Amino acid sequence: MLNNLFSNWFGMDERFIMHRYISTRWSVIVGVVLMAAWVNYEFIANDTLRIDLLVFLGAMLVTKMAVMIYYRLTH
């Protein structure tokens, strides 16, 4: 009975998990594109190259590639 009560309150099905996954993926894509656009704007308009933004873009790139390689090798 307690298990059924918790599953009714906190139950998640596959659709919820997939919707959360897809929305997270799109938010990361939009964030990376906007950050890359901002880095280019700062470089072109103000002749400044923000290293901290480049570090974050590089970290996102390395993480994405590492996860892609990991999933390709293990699944």
N, C-alpha and C. Protein backbone atom coordinates (compact mmCIF):
# COMPACT_ATOMS: atom_id res chain seq x y z
N MET A 1 0.82 -1.19 0.00
CA MET A 1 0.00 0.00 0.00
C MET A 1 0.87 1.26 0.00
N LEU A 2 1.90 1.27 0.83
CA LEU A 2 2.77 2.44 0.90
C LEU A 2 3.51 2.64 -0.42
N ASN A 3 3.92 1.54 -1.04
CA ASN A 3 4.60 1.63 -2.33
C ASN A 3 3.68 2.23 -3.39
N ASN A 4 2.43 1.81 -3.40
CA ASN A 4 1.47 2.34 -4.36
C ASN A 4 1.22 3.83 -4.13
N LEU A 5 1.18 4.24 -2.86
CA LEU A 5 0.96 5.64 -2.54
C LEU A 5 2.12 6.50 -3.05
N PHE A 6 3.36 6.04 -2.84
CA PHE A 6 4.51 6.78 -3.33
C PHE A 6 4.56 6.81 -4.85
N SER A 7 4.20 5.71 -5.49
CA SER A 7 4.24 5.69 -6.95
C SER A 7 3.18 6.61 -7.54
N ASN A 8 2.06 6.78 -6.86
CA ASN A 8 1.05 7.72 -7.35
C ASN A 8 1.50 9.16 -7.19
N TRP A 9 2.20 9.46 -6.11
CA TRP A 9 2.66 10.83 -5.87
C TRP A 9 3.89 11.19 -6.69
N PHE A 10 4.85 10.29 -6.70
CA PHE A 10 6.15 10.58 -7.31
C PHE A 10 6.42 9.74 -8.55
N GLY A 11 5.41 9.10 -9.07
CA GLY A 11 5.60 8.21 -10.22
C GLY A 11 5.99 8.96 -11.48
N MET A 12 6.95 8.39 -12.19
CA MET A 12 7.38 8.97 -13.46
C MET A 12 7.36 7.85 -14.49
N ASP A 13 6.80 8.15 -15.62
CA ASP A 13 6.85 7.18 -16.69
C ASP A 13 7.91 7.57 -17.72
N GLU A 14 8.04 6.76 -18.76
CA GLU A 14 9.09 6.98 -19.74
C GLU A 14 8.90 8.30 -20.49
N ARG A 15 7.66 8.69 -20.71
CA ARG A 15 7.42 9.94 -21.43
C ARG A 15 7.96 11.13 -20.67
N PHE A 16 7.76 11.14 -19.35
CA PHE A 16 8.28 12.25 -18.54
C PHE A 16 9.80 12.29 -18.60
N ILE A 17 10.43 11.14 -18.49
CA ILE A 17 11.90 11.07 -18.53
C ILE A 17 12.40 11.55 -19.89
N MET A 18 11.76 11.11 -20.97
CA MET A 18 12.20 11.51 -22.30
C MET A 18 11.96 13.00 -22.54
N HIS A 19 10.84 13.53 -22.06
CA HIS A 19 10.58 14.96 -22.22
C HIS A 19 11.61 15.79 -21.45
N ARG A 20 11.96 15.31 -20.26
CA ARG A 20 12.97 16.02 -19.47
C ARG A 20 14.33 15.95 -20.16
N TYR A 21 14.65 14.80 -20.71
CA TYR A 21 15.92 14.63 -21.42
C TYR A 21 15.98 15.54 -22.64
N ILE A 22 14.91 15.57 -23.43
CA ILE A 22 14.89 16.38 -24.65
C ILE A 22 14.96 17.86 -24.31
N SER A 23 14.23 18.29 -23.29
CA SER A 23 14.26 19.71 -22.93
C SER A 23 15.63 20.12 -22.40
N THR A 24 16.28 19.25 -21.65
CA THR A 24 17.62 19.54 -21.16
C THR A 24 18.61 19.62 -22.31
N ARG A 25 18.49 18.71 -23.24
CA ARG A 25 19.38 18.71 -24.40
C ARG A 25 19.23 20.00 -25.21
N TRP A 26 17.99 20.41 -25.46
CA TRP A 26 17.76 21.64 -26.23
C TRP A 26 18.24 22.87 -25.48
N SER A 27 18.08 22.89 -24.17
CA SER A 27 18.55 24.06 -23.42
C SER A 27 20.07 24.17 -23.46
N VAL A 28 20.76 23.04 -23.44
CA VAL A 28 22.22 23.07 -23.54
C VAL A 28 22.65 23.53 -24.93
N ILE A 29 21.96 23.05 -25.96
CA ILE A 29 22.30 23.46 -27.32
C ILE A 29 22.12 24.96 -27.49
N VAL A 30 20.99 25.48 -27.03
CA VAL A 30 20.73 26.92 -27.15
C VAL A 30 21.75 27.71 -26.33
N GLY A 31 22.09 27.23 -25.14
CA GLY A 31 23.09 27.91 -24.32
C GLY A 31 24.45 27.97 -24.98
N VAL A 32 24.87 26.87 -25.60
CA VAL A 32 26.17 26.84 -26.28
C VAL A 32 26.18 27.78 -27.49
N VAL A 33 25.10 27.77 -28.25
CA VAL A 33 25.03 28.65 -29.43
C VAL A 33 25.06 30.12 -29.00
N LEU A 34 24.30 30.46 -27.97
CA LEU A 34 24.29 31.85 -27.50
C LEU A 34 25.65 32.26 -26.94
N MET A 35 26.30 31.35 -26.21
CA MET A 35 27.61 31.68 -25.66
C MET A 35 28.64 31.85 -26.78
N ALA A 36 28.58 30.99 -27.79
CA ALA A 36 29.50 31.13 -28.92
C ALA A 36 29.24 32.44 -29.67
N ALA A 37 27.98 32.79 -29.82
CA ALA A 37 27.65 34.07 -30.48
C ALA A 37 28.18 35.24 -29.67
N TRP A 38 28.07 35.16 -28.35
CA TRP A 38 28.56 36.24 -27.50
C TRP A 38 30.09 36.36 -27.57
N VAL A 39 30.78 35.24 -27.59
CA VAL A 39 32.24 35.27 -27.71
C VAL A 39 32.63 35.92 -29.03
N ASN A 40 31.96 35.54 -30.11
CA ASN A 40 32.28 36.14 -31.41
C ASN A 40 31.94 37.62 -31.45
N TYR A 41 30.83 38.01 -30.85
CA TYR A 41 30.46 39.42 -30.82
C TYR A 41 31.50 40.23 -30.05
N GLU A 42 31.90 39.75 -28.89
CA GLU A 42 32.91 40.46 -28.10
C GLU A 42 34.23 40.58 -28.86
N PHE A 43 34.58 39.52 -29.58
CA PHE A 43 35.84 39.55 -30.32
C PHE A 43 35.77 40.50 -31.51
N ILE A 44 34.65 40.48 -32.24
CA ILE A 44 34.53 41.33 -33.43
C ILE A 44 34.27 42.79 -33.05
N ALA A 45 33.35 43.03 -32.13
CA ALA A 45 32.94 44.41 -31.83
C ALA A 45 33.93 45.12 -30.92
N ASN A 46 34.45 44.43 -29.92
CA ASN A 46 35.27 45.10 -28.91
C ASN A 46 36.73 44.67 -28.92
N ASP A 47 37.10 43.77 -29.81
CA ASP A 47 38.47 43.23 -29.88
C ASP A 47 38.95 42.67 -28.54
N THR A 48 38.04 42.03 -27.81
CA THR A 48 38.42 41.36 -26.58
C THR A 48 38.04 39.89 -26.69
N LEU A 49 38.93 39.06 -26.23
CA LEU A 49 38.69 37.63 -26.25
C LEU A 49 38.57 37.16 -24.81
N ARG A 50 37.36 36.82 -24.40
CA ARG A 50 37.11 36.40 -23.03
C ARG A 50 37.52 34.94 -22.86
N ILE A 51 38.59 34.73 -22.14
CA ILE A 51 39.11 33.38 -21.96
C ILE A 51 38.16 32.53 -21.12
N ASP A 52 37.49 33.13 -20.15
CA ASP A 52 36.60 32.35 -19.30
C ASP A 52 35.45 31.75 -20.11
N LEU A 53 34.91 32.50 -21.07
CA LEU A 53 33.84 31.94 -21.91
C LEU A 53 34.37 30.84 -22.81
N LEU A 54 35.59 31.02 -23.30
CA LEU A 54 36.18 29.97 -24.12
C LEU A 54 36.44 28.71 -23.31
N VAL A 55 36.81 28.86 -22.05
CA VAL A 55 37.02 27.70 -21.18
C VAL A 55 35.71 26.95 -20.98
N PHE A 56 34.62 27.68 -20.76
CA PHE A 56 33.33 27.01 -20.59
C PHE A 56 32.88 26.31 -21.87
N LEU A 57 33.07 26.96 -23.01
CA LEU A 57 32.73 26.31 -24.28
C LEU A 57 33.58 25.06 -24.50
N GLY A 58 34.85 25.14 -24.16
CA GLY A 58 35.72 23.97 -24.28
C GLY A 58 35.32 22.85 -23.35
N ALA A 59 34.92 23.19 -22.13
CA ALA A 59 34.48 22.17 -21.19
C ALA A 59 33.21 21.48 -21.69
N MET A 60 32.30 22.26 -22.26
CA MET A 60 31.09 21.66 -22.82
C MET A 60 31.42 20.74 -23.99
N LEU A 61 32.36 21.17 -24.83
CA LEU A 61 32.76 20.36 -25.97
C LEU A 61 33.42 19.06 -25.53
N VAL A 62 34.34 19.14 -24.59
CA VAL A 62 35.03 17.94 -24.11
C VAL A 62 34.05 16.98 -23.45
N THR A 63 33.13 17.50 -22.65
CA THR A 63 32.14 16.66 -22.00
C THR A 63 31.25 15.97 -23.01
N LYS A 64 30.77 16.71 -23.99
CA LYS A 64 29.90 16.14 -25.02
C LYS A 64 30.62 15.04 -25.78
N MET A 65 31.85 15.29 -26.18
CA MET A 65 32.59 14.29 -26.95
C MET A 65 32.92 13.06 -26.10
N ALA A 66 33.27 13.27 -24.84
CA ALA A 66 33.57 12.14 -23.96
C ALA A 66 32.35 11.26 -23.75
N VAL A 67 31.20 11.88 -23.54
CA VAL A 67 29.97 11.10 -23.34
C VAL A 67 29.59 10.37 -24.62
N MET A 68 29.75 11.01 -25.77
CA MET A 68 29.44 10.34 -27.04
C MET A 68 30.35 9.13 -27.26
N ILE A 69 31.63 9.28 -26.98
CA ILE A 69 32.55 8.15 -27.12
C ILE A 69 32.22 7.05 -26.13
N TYR A 70 31.93 7.42 -24.89
CA TYR A 70 31.59 6.42 -23.87
C TYR A 70 30.36 5.61 -24.27
N TYR A 71 29.30 6.31 -24.70
CA TYR A 71 28.09 5.59 -25.09
C TYR A 71 28.29 4.77 -26.34
N ARG A 72 29.14 5.22 -27.25
CA ARG A 72 29.41 4.44 -28.46
C ARG A 72 30.15 3.16 -28.10
N LEU A 73 31.06 3.22 -27.15
CA LEU A 73 31.84 2.04 -26.78
C LEU A 73 31.08 1.08 -25.88
N THR A 74 30.14 1.56 -25.09
CA THR A 74 29.48 0.69 -24.11
C THR A 74 28.09 0.23 -24.51
N HIS A 75 27.49 0.84 -25.51
CA HIS A 75 26.13 0.42 -25.88
C HIS A 75 26.08 -0.08 -27.29
